[in-house]
Every structure is written in C-alpha cells, then in structure tokens.
N, C-alpha and C. Protein backbone atom coordinates (compact mmCIF):
# COMPACT_ATOMS: atom_id res chain seq x y z
N MET A 1 0.84 -1.20 0.00
CA MET A 1 0.00 0.00 0.00
C MET A 1 0.88 1.25 0.00
N ILE A 2 0.45 2.25 -0.72
CA ILE A 2 1.19 3.50 -0.81
C ILE A 2 0.86 4.37 0.41
N ASP A 3 1.90 4.93 1.03
CA ASP A 3 1.68 5.77 2.20
C ASP A 3 1.25 7.18 1.78
N TYR A 4 0.77 7.96 2.72
CA TYR A 4 0.24 9.29 2.42
C TYR A 4 1.33 10.24 1.93
N ILE A 5 2.57 10.07 2.35
CA ILE A 5 3.65 10.93 1.89
C ILE A 5 3.89 10.72 0.40
N THR A 6 3.87 9.48 -0.04
CA THR A 6 4.02 9.19 -1.47
C THR A 6 2.85 9.75 -2.26
N ILE A 7 1.65 9.65 -1.71
CA ILE A 7 0.48 10.20 -2.38
C ILE A 7 0.61 11.71 -2.55
N ILE A 8 1.06 12.39 -1.50
CA ILE A 8 1.27 13.84 -1.59
C ILE A 8 2.32 14.14 -2.67
N GLY A 9 3.39 13.37 -2.70
CA GLY A 9 4.42 13.57 -3.72
C GLY A 9 3.90 13.35 -5.13
N LEU A 10 3.08 12.33 -5.31
CA LEU A 10 2.51 12.06 -6.63
C LEU A 10 1.55 13.17 -7.06
N ILE A 11 0.75 13.67 -6.12
CA ILE A 11 -0.15 14.78 -6.44
C ILE A 11 0.65 16.03 -6.79
N ALA A 12 1.71 16.30 -6.04
CA ALA A 12 2.57 17.45 -6.35
C ALA A 12 3.19 17.30 -7.73
N GLY A 13 3.64 16.09 -8.05
CA GLY A 13 4.24 15.85 -9.36
C GLY A 13 3.25 16.02 -10.49
N ILE A 14 2.06 15.48 -10.31
CA ILE A 14 1.02 15.63 -11.33
C ILE A 14 0.70 17.10 -11.55
N THR A 15 0.61 17.85 -10.45
CA THR A 15 0.34 19.29 -10.54
C THR A 15 1.44 20.01 -11.32
N SER A 16 2.69 19.65 -11.08
CA SER A 16 3.81 20.27 -11.79
C SER A 16 3.73 20.00 -13.29
N VAL A 17 3.45 18.77 -13.65
CA VAL A 17 3.36 18.41 -15.07
C VAL A 17 2.16 19.11 -15.71
N VAL A 18 1.04 19.14 -15.01
CA VAL A 18 -0.15 19.81 -15.54
C VAL A 18 0.12 21.31 -15.72
N ALA A 19 0.91 21.90 -14.83
CA ALA A 19 1.21 23.34 -14.92
C ALA A 19 2.03 23.67 -16.16
N LEU A 20 2.91 22.78 -16.59
CA LEU A 20 3.76 23.06 -17.76
C LEU A 20 3.08 22.67 -19.07
N THR A 21 2.13 21.77 -19.01
CA THR A 21 1.48 21.27 -20.22
C THR A 21 0.82 22.36 -21.07
N PRO A 22 0.11 23.34 -20.50
CA PRO A 22 -0.49 24.38 -21.36
C PRO A 22 0.55 25.16 -22.16
N GLN A 23 1.73 25.38 -21.60
CA GLN A 23 2.77 26.08 -22.34
C GLN A 23 3.24 25.26 -23.54
N VAL A 24 3.41 23.96 -23.31
CA VAL A 24 3.80 23.07 -24.41
C VAL A 24 2.71 23.06 -25.47
N TRP A 25 1.46 22.94 -25.04
CA TRP A 25 0.34 22.91 -25.97
C TRP A 25 0.24 24.20 -26.77
N LYS A 26 0.38 25.34 -26.10
CA LYS A 26 0.28 26.63 -26.79
C LYS A 26 1.41 26.80 -27.79
N THR A 27 2.61 26.42 -27.40
CA THR A 27 3.76 26.54 -28.30
C THR A 27 3.56 25.63 -29.51
N TRP A 28 3.06 24.45 -29.29
CA TRP A 28 2.82 23.49 -30.38
C TRP A 28 1.76 24.05 -31.35
N ASN A 29 0.69 24.59 -30.80
CA ASN A 29 -0.40 25.08 -31.65
C ASN A 29 -0.07 26.36 -32.40
N THR A 30 0.61 27.29 -31.74
CA THR A 30 0.90 28.59 -32.36
C THR A 30 2.16 28.56 -33.21
N LYS A 31 2.97 27.54 -33.03
CA LYS A 31 4.27 27.46 -33.73
C LYS A 31 5.08 28.72 -33.47
N HIS A 32 5.04 29.17 -32.22
CA HIS A 32 5.70 30.42 -31.82
C HIS A 32 6.31 30.20 -30.44
N ALA A 33 7.63 30.43 -30.35
CA ALA A 33 8.33 30.21 -29.08
C ALA A 33 9.24 31.38 -28.73
N ARG A 34 9.03 32.51 -29.37
CA ARG A 34 9.91 33.67 -29.15
C ARG A 34 9.92 34.14 -27.70
N ASP A 35 8.81 33.98 -27.01
CA ASP A 35 8.71 34.47 -25.63
C ASP A 35 9.32 33.54 -24.60
N LEU A 36 9.73 32.37 -25.02
CA LEU A 36 10.36 31.42 -24.09
C LEU A 36 11.85 31.72 -24.00
N SER A 37 12.37 31.72 -22.80
CA SER A 37 13.79 31.95 -22.58
C SER A 37 14.57 30.65 -22.74
N MET A 38 15.51 30.64 -23.67
CA MET A 38 16.33 29.44 -23.87
C MET A 38 17.18 29.18 -22.62
N LYS A 39 17.65 30.24 -21.97
CA LYS A 39 18.42 30.05 -20.74
C LYS A 39 17.58 29.33 -19.69
N TRP A 40 16.35 29.76 -19.52
CA TRP A 40 15.47 29.11 -18.55
C TRP A 40 15.23 27.65 -18.92
N LEU A 41 14.99 27.40 -20.20
CA LEU A 41 14.72 26.04 -20.64
C LEU A 41 15.92 25.12 -20.37
N VAL A 42 17.12 25.61 -20.65
CA VAL A 42 18.33 24.79 -20.44
C VAL A 42 18.57 24.56 -18.94
N ILE A 43 18.45 25.62 -18.15
CA ILE A 43 18.63 25.48 -16.71
C ILE A 43 17.58 24.54 -16.13
N ASN A 44 16.34 24.69 -16.57
CA ASN A 44 15.27 23.84 -16.07
C ASN A 44 15.50 22.37 -16.45
N SER A 45 15.94 22.11 -17.67
CA SER A 45 16.19 20.73 -18.06
C SER A 45 17.33 20.14 -17.25
N GLY A 46 18.37 20.93 -16.99
CA GLY A 46 19.47 20.45 -16.13
C GLY A 46 18.99 20.17 -14.72
N SER A 47 18.14 21.04 -14.22
CA SER A 47 17.57 20.84 -12.89
C SER A 47 16.75 19.55 -12.83
N GLN A 48 15.97 19.30 -13.86
CA GLN A 48 15.16 18.08 -13.87
C GLN A 48 16.03 16.83 -13.95
N LEU A 49 17.14 16.90 -14.68
CA LEU A 49 18.06 15.76 -14.72
C LEU A 49 18.67 15.50 -13.34
N LEU A 50 19.00 16.57 -12.64
CA LEU A 50 19.54 16.41 -11.29
C LEU A 50 18.49 15.84 -10.34
N TRP A 51 17.25 16.32 -10.44
CA TRP A 51 16.18 15.78 -9.60
C TRP A 51 15.93 14.31 -9.93
N PHE A 52 16.01 13.96 -11.21
CA PHE A 52 15.83 12.56 -11.60
C PHE A 52 16.93 11.70 -10.97
N THR A 53 18.16 12.17 -11.05
CA THR A 53 19.29 11.44 -10.45
C THR A 53 19.08 11.28 -8.96
N PHE A 54 18.68 12.35 -8.30
CA PHE A 54 18.39 12.29 -6.86
C PHE A 54 17.30 11.27 -6.57
N GLY A 55 16.24 11.31 -7.36
CA GLY A 55 15.14 10.39 -7.16
C GLY A 55 15.54 8.94 -7.32
N VAL A 56 16.36 8.67 -8.33
CA VAL A 56 16.82 7.30 -8.56
C VAL A 56 17.72 6.84 -7.41
N LEU A 57 18.66 7.70 -7.03
CA LEU A 57 19.58 7.33 -5.95
C LEU A 57 18.86 7.18 -4.62
N SER A 58 17.82 7.98 -4.41
CA SER A 58 17.06 7.93 -3.16
C SER A 58 15.89 6.95 -3.23
N LYS A 59 15.61 6.46 -4.42
CA LYS A 59 14.48 5.55 -4.64
C LYS A 59 13.15 6.18 -4.23
N VAL A 60 12.95 7.43 -4.69
CA VAL A 60 11.72 8.16 -4.39
C VAL A 60 10.91 8.25 -5.68
N LEU A 61 9.88 7.42 -5.78
CA LEU A 61 9.09 7.30 -7.00
C LEU A 61 8.49 8.62 -7.49
N PRO A 62 7.86 9.44 -6.62
CA PRO A 62 7.29 10.69 -7.13
C PRO A 62 8.32 11.61 -7.78
N VAL A 63 9.52 11.66 -7.22
CA VAL A 63 10.57 12.51 -7.78
C VAL A 63 11.03 11.95 -9.13
N ILE A 64 11.16 10.65 -9.22
CA ILE A 64 11.58 10.02 -10.48
C ILE A 64 10.55 10.30 -11.58
N LEU A 65 9.29 10.06 -11.27
CA LEU A 65 8.24 10.26 -12.28
C LEU A 65 8.10 11.71 -12.69
N THR A 66 8.04 12.60 -11.70
CA THR A 66 7.85 14.02 -12.00
C THR A 66 9.01 14.57 -12.81
N SER A 67 10.23 14.30 -12.36
CA SER A 67 11.38 14.85 -13.07
C SER A 67 11.49 14.28 -14.48
N SER A 68 11.10 13.03 -14.67
CA SER A 68 11.13 12.43 -16.01
C SER A 68 10.17 13.16 -16.95
N PHE A 69 8.93 13.33 -16.52
CA PHE A 69 7.94 14.00 -17.36
C PHE A 69 8.30 15.47 -17.59
N MET A 70 8.75 16.15 -16.54
CA MET A 70 9.12 17.55 -16.68
C MET A 70 10.31 17.71 -17.63
N PHE A 71 11.27 16.82 -17.54
CA PHE A 71 12.42 16.86 -18.44
C PHE A 71 11.96 16.68 -19.88
N LEU A 72 11.11 15.70 -20.13
CA LEU A 72 10.62 15.47 -21.49
C LEU A 72 9.85 16.67 -22.03
N LEU A 73 9.00 17.26 -21.21
CA LEU A 73 8.26 18.44 -21.65
C LEU A 73 9.20 19.61 -21.94
N THR A 74 10.21 19.79 -21.11
CA THR A 74 11.16 20.88 -21.32
C THR A 74 11.99 20.65 -22.58
N VAL A 75 12.42 19.42 -22.80
CA VAL A 75 13.17 19.11 -24.03
C VAL A 75 12.28 19.35 -25.26
N PHE A 76 11.01 19.01 -25.14
CA PHE A 76 10.09 19.28 -26.24
C PHE A 76 9.99 20.78 -26.50
N LEU A 77 9.92 21.59 -25.43
CA LEU A 77 9.90 23.05 -25.60
C LEU A 77 11.19 23.56 -26.23
N ILE A 78 12.32 23.02 -25.82
CA ILE A 78 13.61 23.42 -26.40
C ILE A 78 13.61 23.10 -27.90
N THR A 79 13.13 21.92 -28.25
CA THR A 79 13.07 21.52 -29.65
C THR A 79 12.19 22.46 -30.45
N MET A 80 11.04 22.80 -29.90
CA MET A 80 10.13 23.72 -30.61
C MET A 80 10.72 25.11 -30.70
N LYS A 81 11.40 25.56 -29.64
CA LYS A 81 12.02 26.88 -29.68
C LYS A 81 13.06 26.94 -30.78
N ARG A 82 13.88 25.93 -30.87
CA ARG A 82 14.90 25.90 -31.94
C ARG A 82 14.27 25.85 -33.32
N LYS A 83 13.16 25.14 -33.44
CA LYS A 83 12.51 24.99 -34.73
C LYS A 83 11.76 26.26 -35.14
N TYR A 84 11.05 26.89 -34.21
CA TYR A 84 10.15 27.99 -34.54
C TYR A 84 10.78 29.37 -34.41
N ASP A 85 11.92 29.49 -33.78
CA ASP A 85 12.56 30.81 -33.66
C ASP A 85 13.33 31.16 -34.91
C-alpha cells in the first residue's frame, strides 16, 4: 500500500506536469516560441536531470516520475524553440 507521503508527492508531481502542459500545448499550436527563454529552458532541463538522479539514488518514485515528465516536456519546448525561432 502507498503511504500518504508518497500520495502527496505524486499529487505534487502531477500538478507540476499539468502546470507546464499548457505552455507546451500553446507553443505546439501557435508554432511560436519567441517568448520562451532558452536560458530558462536549459537550466530547467538540467535541474530536472539532477532531480531525476536524486530520485533514482534515493528511490523516491514521485521525484523520479515528476522529473522524467518535466524533463521530457522541457526538451520538447527546447526543440520547438529551436525549430520555430
């Protein structure tokens, strides 16, 4: 059975992914990424890789899942920024 701390972590992770998804969706639909900061995208992707590493080493499932999805969304934004700018 999953404990309440893990449930809180999973809810926090889902909220983080849901918060970034509209930006990805808008960038995809408008084919416009000029307002996105490449510096922020690169720093954020590095941060997510570090969180993923921490999660794996600590065996914390919510951190592993959240950082994985956030990294993928950020890489997708970086790809669109390079393509549409």
